[in-house]
Amino acid sequence: MKRDYLRVLDLKRDEFFSLINRAIEFKSNKDLLKSSLVGKCIGMIFEKPSTRTRVSFDVAIYQLGGHPMCLSSKELQLSRGETIKDTAQVLSRYLDCIVIRTFSHKTIEEFAKWATIPVINALTDEHHPCQAMADMMTILEKKGKLEGIKLAYVGDGNNVANSLIEASALTGIKINIATPQGCEPLEEVVQKAKAFTEVKIFSDPEQAVLQADVIYTDVWLSMGEEGSIEKKKKLKNFQVNTKLLSKAKPDAIVMHCLPAHRGEEITDEVLDGPQSVVLDQAENRLHTSKAILEFLLTM
């Protein structure tokens, strides 16, 4: 039976940890990059701009012996009104897996419903599960454990925040979300996670980051929201800067999924500072992409 990875909770706890450990193996042992995907073709549909997701999946597929095929949504008949059902069923006859970056989460759910091959969520407006796996891998590398770690997310309660909350539920991380009213993460995500770990919502970023092991932020305005001046005003006091960082543990690490709007959600001195792990975090997108692909295509 085929499996999809549309949100973090599509995986069980042991599967999530297994994939992180496999990604660490890929990172440390180049000899593993042989033939997991030989003879397999993976289609990638990107309706939103992408740097790390697009390149990491492209390289991961190539290094595992497969063939990446980038399919612009503007070039597909989807742009002329073909249904998701028809597109998913036809592409399933040609491809071995589909990676999709789109807007509505319902779009990828509909695609996965009709596809007979694995579908991977490369980002929707509600979830970014591939990013969350790389984030957990990075925290494990830097802190030596996940369970009991205190993670403070500061900013918009967006797709990244939703997936971090779900990843915290699987790993035992305690997560604080600092966000203004009206920018909270999905209530359904928060309530599910609370059954497995500690999730707290704060309106004061300083309270959220007190004694945190990890401080994480993301852009204030997601793709498609760039003109929202009102939302920017709400978030102006939720910047990760040296003053905020000083409230966390002295050895706290700073994370950002990138791209960053320097001077808005995070300052240059913090993003480029000694506690920042954003480049390791970005690199780990490559290794977790390999682990996800191998798991879905060789299970």
C-alpha atoms as a PDB file:
ATOM      1  CA  MET A   1       0.000   0.000   0.000  1.00  0.00           C
ATOM      2  CA  LYS A   2       1.410   3.383  -0.994  1.00  0.00           C
ATOM      3  CA  ARG A   3       2.264   5.994   1.631  1.00  0.00           C
ATOM      4  CA  ASP A   4       2.229   9.788   1.371  1.00  0.00           C
ATOM      5  CA  TYR A   5       4.010  12.458   3.406  1.00  0.00           C
ATOM      6  CA  LEU A   6       1.592  15.386   3.495  1.00  0.00           C
ATOM      7  CA  ARG A   7       2.042  16.387   7.132  1.00  0.00           C
ATOM      8  CA  VAL A   8       4.366  15.314   9.924  1.00  0.00           C
ATOM      9  CA  LEU A   9       1.691  13.221  11.649  1.00  0.00           C
ATOM     10  CA  ASP A  10       1.442  11.000   8.577  1.00  0.00           C
ATOM     11  CA  LEU A  11       4.421   9.266  10.194  1.00  0.00           C
ATOM     12  CA  LYS A  12       4.544   7.338  13.440  1.00  0.00           C
ATOM     13  CA  ARG A  13       7.029   8.308  16.137  1.00  0.00           C
ATOM     14  CA  ASP A  14       9.391   5.413  15.394  1.00  0.00           C
ATOM     15  CA  GLU A  15       9.239   6.112  11.649  1.00  0.00           C
ATOM     16  CA  PHE A  16      10.062   9.788  12.170  1.00  0.00           C
ATOM     17  CA  PHE A  17      13.107   8.972  14.316  1.00  0.00           C
ATOM     18  CA  SER A  18      14.177   6.273  11.877  1.00  0.00           C
ATOM     19  CA  LEU A  19      14.137   8.765   9.005  1.00  0.00           C
ATOM     20  CA  ILE A  20      16.167  11.309  10.985  1.00  0.00           C
ATOM     21  CA  ASN A  21      18.750   8.643  11.801  1.00  0.00           C
ATOM     22  CA  ARG A  22      18.836   7.573   8.165  1.00  0.00           C
ATOM     23  CA  ALA A  23      19.395  11.187   7.111  1.00  0.00           C
ATOM     24  CA  ILE A  24      22.330  11.385   9.533  1.00  0.00           C
ATOM     25  CA  GLU A  25      23.750   8.239   7.915  1.00  0.00           C
ATOM     26  CA  PHE A  26      23.387   9.798   4.461  1.00  0.00           C
ATOM     27  CA  LYS A  27      25.173  12.914   5.671  1.00  0.00           C
ATOM     28  CA  SER A  28      28.129  11.024   7.131  1.00  0.00           C
ATOM     29  CA  ASN A  29      28.558   8.226   4.583  1.00  0.00           C
ATOM     30  CA  LYS A  30      28.723   9.125   0.912  1.00  0.00           C
ATOM     31  CA  ASP A  31      28.971   5.413   0.026  1.00  0.00           C
ATOM     32  CA  LEU A  32      25.257   5.106   0.763  1.00  0.00           C
ATOM     33  CA  LEU A  33      24.510   7.251  -2.287  1.00  0.00           C
ATOM     34  CA  LYS A  34      24.192   4.407  -4.749  1.00  0.00           C
ATOM     35  CA  SER A  35      21.083   2.859  -6.147  1.00  0.00           C
ATOM     36  CA  SER A  36      17.991   3.370  -3.987  1.00  0.00           C
ATOM     37  CA  LEU A  37      16.157   5.155  -6.812  1.00  0.00           C
ATOM     38  CA  VAL A  38      17.816   3.713  -9.920  1.00  0.00           C
ATOM     39  CA  GLY A  39      15.286   3.505 -12.737  1.00  0.00           C
ATOM     40  CA  LYS A  40      12.767   5.666 -10.893  1.00  0.00           C
ATOM     41  CA  CYS A  41      11.440   9.021 -12.104  1.00  0.00           C
ATOM     42  CA  ILE A  42      10.181  11.573  -9.592  1.00  0.00           C
ATOM     43  CA  GLY A  43       7.986  14.433 -10.776  1.00  0.00           C
ATOM     44  CA  MET A  44       8.165  17.802  -9.027  1.00  0.00           C
ATOM     45  CA  ILE A  45       5.351  20.343  -9.376  1.00  0.00           C
ATOM     46  CA  PHE A  46       6.143  23.800  -7.981  1.00  0.00           C
ATOM     47  CA  GLU A  47       3.387  26.430  -7.919  1.00  0.00           C
ATOM     48  CA  LYS A  48       5.414  28.612  -5.517  1.00  0.00           C
ATOM     49  CA  PRO A  49       9.026  29.832  -5.734  1.00  0.00           C
ATOM     50  CA  SER A  50      11.618  27.625  -4.050  1.00  0.00           C
ATOM     51  CA  THR A  51      15.358  27.464  -3.450  1.00  0.00           C
ATOM     52  CA  ARG A  52      16.157  24.925  -0.706  1.00  0.00           C
ATOM     53  CA  THR A  53      13.191  22.603  -1.324  1.00  0.00           C
ATOM     54  CA  ARG A  54      13.595  22.526  -5.093  1.00  0.00           C
ATOM     55  CA  VAL A  55      17.371  22.084  -5.130  1.00  0.00           C
ATOM     56  CA  SER A  56      17.533  19.642  -2.209  1.00  0.00           C
ATOM     57  CA  PHE A  57      14.985  17.298  -3.781  1.00  0.00           C
ATOM     58  CA  ASP A  58      16.568  17.581  -7.230  1.00  0.00           C
ATOM     59  CA  VAL A  59      20.029  16.730  -5.887  1.00  0.00           C
ATOM     60  CA  ALA A  60      18.709  14.030  -3.529  1.00  0.00           C
ATOM     61  CA  ILE A  61      16.952  12.239  -6.396  1.00  0.00           C
ATOM     62  CA  TYR A  62      20.062  12.451  -8.591  1.00  0.00           C
ATOM     63  CA  GLN A  63      22.427  11.239  -5.847  1.00  0.00           C
ATOM     64  CA  LEU A  64      20.185   8.246  -5.145  1.00  0.00           C
ATOM     65  CA  GLY A  65      20.246   7.267  -8.791  1.00  0.00           C
ATOM     66  CA  GLY A  66      16.816   8.506  -9.844  1.00  0.00           C
ATOM     67  CA  HIS A  67      15.686  11.029 -12.433  1.00  0.00           C
ATOM     68  CA  PRO A  68      14.073  14.308 -11.292  1.00  0.00           C
ATOM     69  CA  MET A  69      11.487  15.788 -13.653  1.00  0.00           C
ATOM     70  CA  CYS A  70      10.447  19.374 -12.942  1.00  0.00           C
ATOM     71  CA  LEU A  71       6.892  20.036 -14.084  1.00  0.00           C
ATOM     72  CA  SER A  72       5.889  23.688 -14.098  1.00  0.00           C
ATOM     73  CA  SER A  73       2.234  24.051 -13.189  1.00  0.00           C
ATOM     74  CA  LYS A  74       1.946  26.570 -16.041  1.00  0.00           C
ATOM     75  CA  GLU A  75       3.086  23.939 -18.519  1.00  0.00           C
ATOM     76  CA  LEU A  76       0.693  21.255 -17.314  1.00  0.00           C
ATOM     77  CA  GLN A  77      -2.909  21.015 -18.483  1.00  0.00           C
ATOM     78  CA  LEU A  78      -3.884  21.876 -14.906  1.00  0.00           C
ATOM     79  CA  SER A  79      -3.382  25.480 -15.982  1.00  0.00           C
ATOM     80  CA  ARG A  80      -6.090  24.989 -18.636  1.00  0.00           C
ATOM     81  CA  GLY A  81      -8.676  23.417 -16.385  1.00  0.00           C
ATOM     82  CA  GLU A  82      -7.781  19.711 -16.268  1.00  0.00           C
ATOM     83  CA  THR A  83      -8.918  18.279 -12.951  1.00  0.00           C
ATOM     84  CA  ILE A  84      -6.535  17.271 -10.190  1.00  0.00           C
ATOM     85  CA  LYS A  85      -8.093  13.797 -10.338  1.00  0.00           C
ATOM     86  CA  ASP A  86      -7.266  13.300 -14.017  1.00  0.00           C
ATOM     87  CA  THR A  87      -3.771  14.750 -13.662  1.00  0.00           C
ATOM     88  CA  ALA A  88      -2.950  12.613 -10.622  1.00  0.00           C
ATOM     89  CA  GLN A  89      -4.192   9.414 -12.255  1.00  0.00           C
ATOM     90  CA  VAL A  90      -2.314  10.009 -15.504  1.00  0.00           C
ATOM     91  CA  LEU A  91       0.967  11.047 -13.860  1.00  0.00           C
ATOM     92  CA  SER A  92       0.742   7.937 -11.690  1.00  0.00           C
ATOM     93  CA  ARG A  93       1.077   5.861 -14.897  1.00  0.00           C
ATOM     94  CA  TYR A  94       4.361   7.601 -15.792  1.00  0.00           C
ATOM     95  CA  LEU A  95       6.086   8.494 -12.530  1.00  0.00           C
ATOM     96  CA  ASP A  96       7.135   6.731  -9.329  1.00  0.00           C
ATOM     97  CA  CYS A  97       6.531   9.637  -6.939  1.00  0.00           C
ATOM     98  CA  ILE A  98       5.307  13.241  -7.037  1.00  0.00           C
ATOM     99  CA  VAL A  99       6.665  16.146  -4.978  1.00  0.00           C
ATOM    100  CA  ILE A 100       4.256  19.113  -4.849  1.00  0.00           C
ATOM    101  CA  ARG A 101       4.654  22.686  -3.596  1.00  0.00           C
ATOM    102  CA  THR A 102       1.312  24.483  -3.749  1.00  0.00           C
ATOM    103  CA  PHE A 103      -1.005  26.861  -1.936  1.00  0.00           C
ATOM    104  CA  SER A 104      -4.071  25.120  -0.496  1.00  0.00           C
ATOM    105  CA  HIS A 105      -3.461  21.990   1.558  1.00  0.00           C
ATOM    106  CA  LYS A 106      -6.696  20.613   0.133  1.00  0.00           C
ATOM    107  CA  THR A 107      -5.038  20.595  -3.304  1.00  0.00           C
ATOM    108  CA  ILE A 108      -2.332  18.168  -2.229  1.00  0.00           C
ATOM    109  CA  GLU A 109      -4.833  16.053  -0.286  1.00  0.00           C
ATOM    110  CA  GLU A 110      -6.943  15.769  -3.437  1.00  0.00           C
ATOM    111  CA  PHE A 111      -3.855  14.883  -5.482  1.00  0.00           C
ATOM    112  CA  ALA A 112      -2.836  12.186  -3.009  1.00  0.00           C
ATOM    113  CA  LYS A 113      -6.388  10.790  -2.971  1.00  0.00           C
ATOM    114  CA  TRP A 114      -6.269   9.987  -6.698  1.00  0.00           C
ATOM    115  CA  ALA A 115      -2.564   9.260  -7.164  1.00  0.00           C
ATOM    116  CA  THR A 116      -1.523   5.625  -6.942  1.00  0.00           C
ATOM    117  CA  ILE A 117       2.088   6.639  -6.224  1.00  0.00           C
ATOM    118  CA  PRO A 118       3.545   8.414  -3.153  1.00  0.00           C
ATOM    119  CA  VAL A 119       2.928  12.151  -2.878  1.00  0.00           C
ATOM    120  CA  ILE A 120       5.276  14.401  -0.868  1.00  0.00           C
ATOM    121  CA  ASN A 121       4.276  17.806   0.460  1.00  0.00           C
ATOM    122  CA  ALA A 122       7.024  20.261  -0.458  1.00  0.00           C
ATOM    123  CA  LEU A 123       4.998  23.056   1.232  1.00  0.00           C
ATOM    124  CA  THR A 124       1.388  24.145   1.409  1.00  0.00           C
ATOM    125  CA  ASP A 125      -0.181  27.092   3.206  1.00  0.00           C
ATOM    126  CA  GLU A 126      -0.857  24.867   6.224  1.00  0.00           C
ATOM    127  CA  HIS A 127       2.097  22.475   6.485  1.00  0.00           C
ATOM    128  CA  HIS A 128       5.810  22.186   5.676  1.00  0.00           C
ATOM    129  CA  PRO A 129       6.670  18.662   6.876  1.00  0.00           C
ATOM    130  CA  CYS A 130       9.966  18.246   5.014  1.00  0.00           C
ATOM    131  CA  GLN A 131      11.321  21.384   6.672  1.00  0.00           C
ATOM    132  CA  ALA A 132      10.271  20.136  10.103  1.00  0.00           C
ATOM    133  CA  MET A 133      12.175  16.878   9.666  1.00  0.00           C
ATOM    134  CA  ALA A 134      15.374  18.743   8.758  1.00  0.00           C
ATOM    135  CA  ASP A 135      14.800  21.011  11.760  1.00  0.00           C
ATOM    136  CA  MET A 136      14.545  18.054  14.137  1.00  0.00           C
ATOM    137  CA  MET A 137      17.681  16.527  12.617  1.00  0.00           C
ATOM    138  CA  THR A 138      19.539  19.801  13.210  1.00  0.00           C
ATOM    139  CA  ILE A 139      18.419  20.079  16.834  1.00  0.00           C
ATOM    140  CA  LEU A 140      19.452  16.471  17.447  1.00  0.00           C
ATOM    141  CA  GLU A 141      22.892  17.150  15.942  1.00  0.00           C
ATOM    142  CA  LYS A 142      23.428  20.292  18.016  1.00  0.00           C
ATOM    143  CA  LYS A 143      21.832  19.265  21.307  1.00  0.00           C
ATOM    144  CA  GLY A 144      22.307  15.483  21.318  1.00  0.00           C
ATOM    145  CA  LYS A 145      18.648  14.806  22.053  1.00  0.00           C
ATOM    146  CA  LEU A 146      15.115  15.915  21.211  1.00  0.00           C
ATOM    147  CA  GLU A 147      12.899  14.836  24.083  1.00  0.00           C
ATOM    148  CA  GLY A 148      12.743  17.523  26.765  1.00  0.00           C
ATOM    149  CA  ILE A 149      14.303  20.234  24.591  1.00  0.00           C
ATOM    150  CA  LYS A 150      12.572  23.608  24.929  1.00  0.00           C
ATOM    151  CA  LEU A 151      11.899  25.212  21.546  1.00  0.00           C
ATOM    152  CA  ALA A 152      10.578  28.773  21.283  1.00  0.00           C
ATOM    153  CA  TYR A 153       9.059  29.768  17.956  1.00  0.00           C
ATOM    154  CA  VAL A 154       8.665  33.533  17.539  1.00  0.00           C
ATOM    155  CA  GLY A 155       6.539  35.106  14.802  1.00  0.00           C
ATOM    156  CA  ASP A 156       3.667  34.165  12.531  1.00  0.00           C
ATOM    157  CA  GLY A 157       1.895  30.901  13.373  1.00  0.00           C
ATOM    158  CA  ASN A 158       2.234  29.708   9.786  1.00  0.00           C
ATOM    159  CA  ASN A 159       2.833  26.400   7.988  1.00  0.00           C
ATOM    160  CA  VAL A 160       6.324  26.081   9.484  1.00  0.00           C
ATOM    161  CA  ALA A 161       4.943  26.598  12.994  1.00  0.00           C
ATOM    162  CA  ASN A 162       2.207  24.001  12.410  1.00  0.00           C
ATOM    163  CA  SER A 163       4.732  21.393  11.285  1.00  0.00           C
ATOM    164  CA  LEU A 164       7.115  22.205  14.152  1.00  0.00           C
ATOM    165  CA  ILE A 165       4.268  21.634  16.598  1.00  0.00           C
ATOM    166  CA  GLU A 166       3.494  18.247  15.031  1.00  0.00           C
ATOM    167  CA  ALA A 167       7.188  17.311  15.034  1.00  0.00           C
ATOM    168  CA  SER A 168       7.383  18.283  18.705  1.00  0.00           C
ATOM    169  CA  ALA A 169       4.476  15.948  19.416  1.00  0.00           C
ATOM    170  CA  LEU A 170       6.381  13.027  17.863  1.00  0.00           C
ATOM    171  CA  THR A 171       9.732  13.808  19.491  1.00  0.00           C
ATOM    172  CA  GLY A 172       8.801  15.062  22.958  1.00  0.00           C
ATOM    173  CA  ILE A 173      10.103  18.580  22.414  1.00  0.00           C
ATOM    174  CA  LYS A 174       8.380  21.214  24.564  1.00  0.00           C
ATOM    175  CA  ILE A 175       7.318  24.040  22.273  1.00  0.00           C
ATOM    176  CA  ASN A 176       6.365  27.639  23.021  1.00  0.00           C
ATOM    177  CA  ILE A 177       4.764  29.725  20.285  1.00  0.00           C
ATOM    178  CA  ALA A 178       5.028  33.520  20.599  1.00  0.00           C
ATOM    179  CA  THR A 179       2.634  35.195  18.209  1.00  0.00           C
ATOM    180  CA  PRO A 180       0.157  38.102  18.213  1.00  0.00           C
ATOM    181  CA  GLN A 181      -3.583  37.626  18.325  1.00  0.00           C
ATOM    182  CA  GLY A 182      -4.907  36.594  14.945  1.00  0.00           C
ATOM    183  CA  CYS A 183      -1.636  34.948  13.877  1.00  0.00           C
ATOM    184  CA  GLU A 184      -1.909  31.753  15.920  1.00  0.00           C
ATOM    185  CA  PRO A 185      -1.146  28.303  14.474  1.00  0.00           C
ATOM    186  CA  LEU A 186      -4.020  25.982  13.565  1.00  0.00           C
ATOM    187  CA  GLU A 187      -6.056  25.074  16.646  1.00  0.00           C
ATOM    188  CA  GLU A 188      -6.525  21.510  15.373  1.00  0.00           C
ATOM    189  CA  VAL A 189      -2.742  21.087  15.214  1.00  0.00           C
ATOM    190  CA  VAL A 190      -2.229  22.517  18.707  1.00  0.00           C
ATOM    191  CA  GLN A 191      -4.894  20.331  20.308  1.00  0.00           C
ATOM    192  CA  LYS A 192      -3.592  17.139  18.702  1.00  0.00           C
ATOM    193  CA  ALA A 193      -0.049  17.896  19.840  1.00  0.00           C
ATOM    194  CA  LYS A 194      -1.078  18.653  23.422  1.00  0.00           C
ATOM    195  CA  ALA A 195      -2.005  14.998  23.838  1.00  0.00           C
ATOM    196  CA  PHE A 196       1.689  14.120  23.481  1.00  0.00           C
ATOM    197  CA  THR A 197       3.785  17.097  24.567  1.00  0.00           C
ATOM    198  CA  GLU A 198       3.720  20.567  26.110  1.00  0.00           C
ATOM    199  CA  VAL A 199       2.482  23.299  23.749  1.00  0.00           C
ATOM    200  CA  LYS A 200       2.070  26.859  25.030  1.00  0.00           C
ATOM    201  CA  ILE A 201       0.950  29.994  23.171  1.00  0.00           C
ATOM    202  CA  PHE A 202       2.351  33.361  24.301  1.00  0.00           C
ATOM    203  CA  SER A 203       1.651  36.945  23.283  1.00  0.00           C
ATOM    204  CA  ASP A 204       4.959  38.051  24.869  1.00  0.00           C
ATOM    205  CA  PRO A 205       8.079  36.782  23.033  1.00  0.00           C
ATOM    206  CA  GLU A 206      10.325  37.329  26.071  1.00  0.00           C
ATOM    207  CA  GLN A 207       8.191  34.988  28.165  1.00  0.00           C
ATOM    208  CA  ALA A 208       8.234  32.376  25.406  1.00  0.00           C
ATOM    209  CA  VAL A 209      12.025  32.290  25.036  1.00  0.00           C
ATOM    210  CA  LEU A 210      12.928  32.211  28.747  1.00  0.00           C
ATOM    211  CA  GLN A 211      15.517  29.443  29.215  1.00  0.00           C
ATOM    212  CA  ALA A 212      14.849  28.078  25.730  1.00  0.00           C
ATOM    213  CA  ASP A 213      17.315  25.688  24.112  1.00  0.00           C
ATOM    214  CA  VAL A 214      16.248  26.716  20.616  1.00  0.00           C
ATOM    215  CA  ILE A 215      14.856  29.955  19.205  1.00  0.00           C
ATOM    216  CA  TYR A 216      13.197  29.628  15.806  1.00  0.00           C
ATOM    217  CA  THR A 217      11.647  32.239  13.545  1.00  0.00           C
ATOM    218  CA  ASP A 218      10.320  32.601  10.014  1.00  0.00           C
ATOM    219  CA  VAL A 219       9.220  35.414   7.731  1.00  0.00           C
ATOM    220  CA  TRP A 220       6.280  37.445   8.951  1.00  0.00           C
ATOM    221  CA  LEU A 221       4.454  37.287   5.639  1.00  0.00           C
ATOM    222  CA  SER A 222       4.135  33.989   3.779  1.00  0.00           C
ATOM    223  CA  MET A 223       4.079  33.727  -0.007  1.00  0.00           C
ATOM    224  CA  GLY A 224       0.932  35.406  -1.244  1.00  0.00           C
ATOM    225  CA  GLU A 225       0.664  37.696   1.812  1.00  0.00           C
ATOM    226  CA  GLU A 226       3.368  40.197   0.849  1.00  0.00           C
ATOM    227  CA  GLY A 227       0.942  43.128   0.729  1.00  0.00           C
ATOM    228  CA  SER A 228      -0.428  42.639   4.259  1.00  0.00           C
ATOM    229  CA  ILE A 229       0.714  45.841   6.020  1.00  0.00           C
ATOM    230  CA  GLU A 230      -1.660  45.185   8.924  1.00  0.00           C
ATOM    231  CA  LYS A 231      -0.093  41.801   9.677  1.00  0.00           C
ATOM    232  CA  LYS A 232       3.388  43.316   9.624  1.00  0.00           C
ATOM    233  CA  LYS A 233       2.292  45.875  12.199  1.00  0.00           C
ATOM    234  CA  LYS A 234       1.027  43.092  14.467  1.00  0.00           C
ATOM    235  CA  LEU A 235       4.371  41.294  14.286  1.00  0.00           C
ATOM    236  CA  LYS A 236       6.727  44.281  14.697  1.00  0.00           C
ATOM    237  CA  ASN A 237       7.499  43.383  18.338  1.00  0.00           C
ATOM    238  CA  PHE A 238       8.250  39.739  17.496  1.00  0.00           C
ATOM    239  CA  GLN A 239      11.769  40.203  16.153  1.00  0.00           C
ATOM    240  CA  VAL A 240      14.576  37.831  17.128  1.00  0.00           C
ATOM    241  CA  ASN A 241      17.417  40.143  18.156  1.00  0.00           C
ATOM    242  CA  THR A 242      20.255  40.127  20.689  1.00  0.00           C
ATOM    243  CA  LYS A 243      18.000  41.370  23.476  1.00  0.00           C
ATOM    244  CA  LEU A 244      15.520  38.529  22.921  1.00  0.00           C
ATOM    245  CA  LEU A 245      18.297  35.977  22.492  1.00  0.00           C
ATOM    246  CA  SER A 246      19.739  36.987  25.887  1.00  0.00           C
ATOM    247  CA  LYS A 247      16.581  35.656  27.579  1.00  0.00           C
ATOM    248  CA  ALA A 248      17.258  32.114  26.344  1.00  0.00           C
ATOM    249  CA  LYS A 249      19.897  29.729  27.649  1.00  0.00           C
ATOM    250  CA  PRO A 250      23.484  30.885  27.013  1.00  0.00           C
ATOM    251  CA  ASP A 251      24.041  27.953  24.639  1.00  0.00           C
ATOM    252  CA  ALA A 252      20.736  28.341  22.803  1.00  0.00           C
ATOM    253  CA  ILE A 253      20.817  27.884  19.049  1.00  0.00           C
ATOM    254  CA  VAL A 254      19.005  30.108  16.557  1.00  0.00           C
ATOM    255  CA  MET A 255      17.100  28.621  13.633  1.00  0.00           C
ATOM    256  CA  HIS A 256      15.388  30.048  10.553  1.00  0.00           C
ATOM    257  CA  CYS A 257      14.072  28.008   7.626  1.00  0.00           C
ATOM    258  CA  LEU A 258      15.073  30.763   5.162  1.00  0.00           C
ATOM    259  CA  PRO A 259      14.682  32.881   3.131  1.00  0.00           C
ATOM    260  CA  ALA A 260      15.048  35.579   5.800  1.00  0.00           C
ATOM    261  CA  HIS A 261      13.862  39.149   5.628  1.00  0.00           C
ATOM    262  CA  ARG A 262      16.816  40.616   7.488  1.00  0.00           C
ATOM    263  CA  GLY A 263      15.860  43.462   9.761  1.00  0.00           C
ATOM    264  CA  GLU A 264      12.272  42.256  10.081  1.00  0.00           C
ATOM    265  CA  GLU A 265      11.799  38.910  11.865  1.00  0.00           C
ATOM    266  CA  ILE A 266      15.514  38.604  12.642  1.00  0.00           C
ATOM    267  CA  THR A 267      18.531  40.897  12.782  1.00  0.00           C
ATOM    268  CA  ASP A 268      21.769  40.429  10.852  1.00  0.00           C
ATOM    269  CA  GLU A 269      23.862  40.055  13.988  1.00  0.00           C
ATOM    270  CA  VAL A 270      21.745  37.146  15.221  1.00  0.00           C
ATOM    271  CA  LEU A 271      21.293  35.431  11.849  1.00  0.00           C
ATOM    272  CA  ASP A 272      25.034  35.652  11.141  1.00  0.00           C
ATOM    273  CA  GLY A 273      26.091  35.218  14.776  1.00  0.00           C
ATOM    274  CA  PRO A 274      27.826  32.310  16.522  1.00  0.00           C
ATOM    275  CA  GLN A 275      24.584  30.810  17.831  1.00  0.00           C
ATOM    276  CA  SER A 276      22.970  30.603  14.398  1.00  0.00           C
ATOM    277  CA  VAL A 277      22.748  27.145  12.810  1.00  0.00           C
ATOM    278  CA  VAL A 278      20.755  28.173   9.734  1.00  0.00           C
ATOM    279  CA  LEU A 279      23.288  26.896   7.186  1.00  0.00           C
ATOM    280  CA  ASP A 280      23.473  23.447   8.799  1.00  0.00           C
ATOM    281  CA  GLN A 281      19.687  23.508   8.954  1.00  0.00           C
ATOM    282  CA  ALA A 282      19.507  24.314   5.237  1.00  0.00           C
ATOM    283  CA  GLU A 283      22.015  21.588   4.346  1.00  0.00           C
ATOM    284  CA  ASN A 284      20.004  19.026   6.257  1.00  0.00           C
ATOM    285  CA  ARG A 285      17.115  19.543   3.854  1.00  0.00           C
ATOM    286  CA  LEU A 286      19.182  17.523   1.358  1.00  0.00           C
ATOM    287  CA  HIS A 287      19.785  14.579   3.670  1.00  0.00           C
ATOM    288  CA  THR A 288      16.234  14.342   4.992  1.00  0.00           C
ATOM    289  CA  SER A 289      14.911  14.544   1.418  1.00  0.00           C
ATOM    290  CA  LYS A 290      16.944  11.423   0.635  1.00  0.00           C
ATOM    291  CA  ALA A 291      15.578   9.641   3.683  1.00  0.00           C
ATOM    292  CA  ILE A 292      11.964  10.520   2.841  1.00  0.00           C
ATOM    293  CA  LEU A 293      12.308   9.450  -0.792  1.00  0.00           C
ATOM    294  CA  GLU A 294      14.001   6.172   0.086  1.00  0.00           C
ATOM    295  CA  PHE A 295      11.367   5.363   2.718  1.00  0.00           C
ATOM    296  CA  LEU A 296       8.385   6.013   0.445  1.00  0.00           C
ATOM    297  CA  LEU A 297       9.825   4.349  -2.643  1.00  0.00           C
ATOM    298  CA  THR A 298      11.511   1.264  -1.242  1.00  0.00           C
ATOM    299  CA  MET A 299       9.275   0.292   1.682  1.00  0.00           C
END
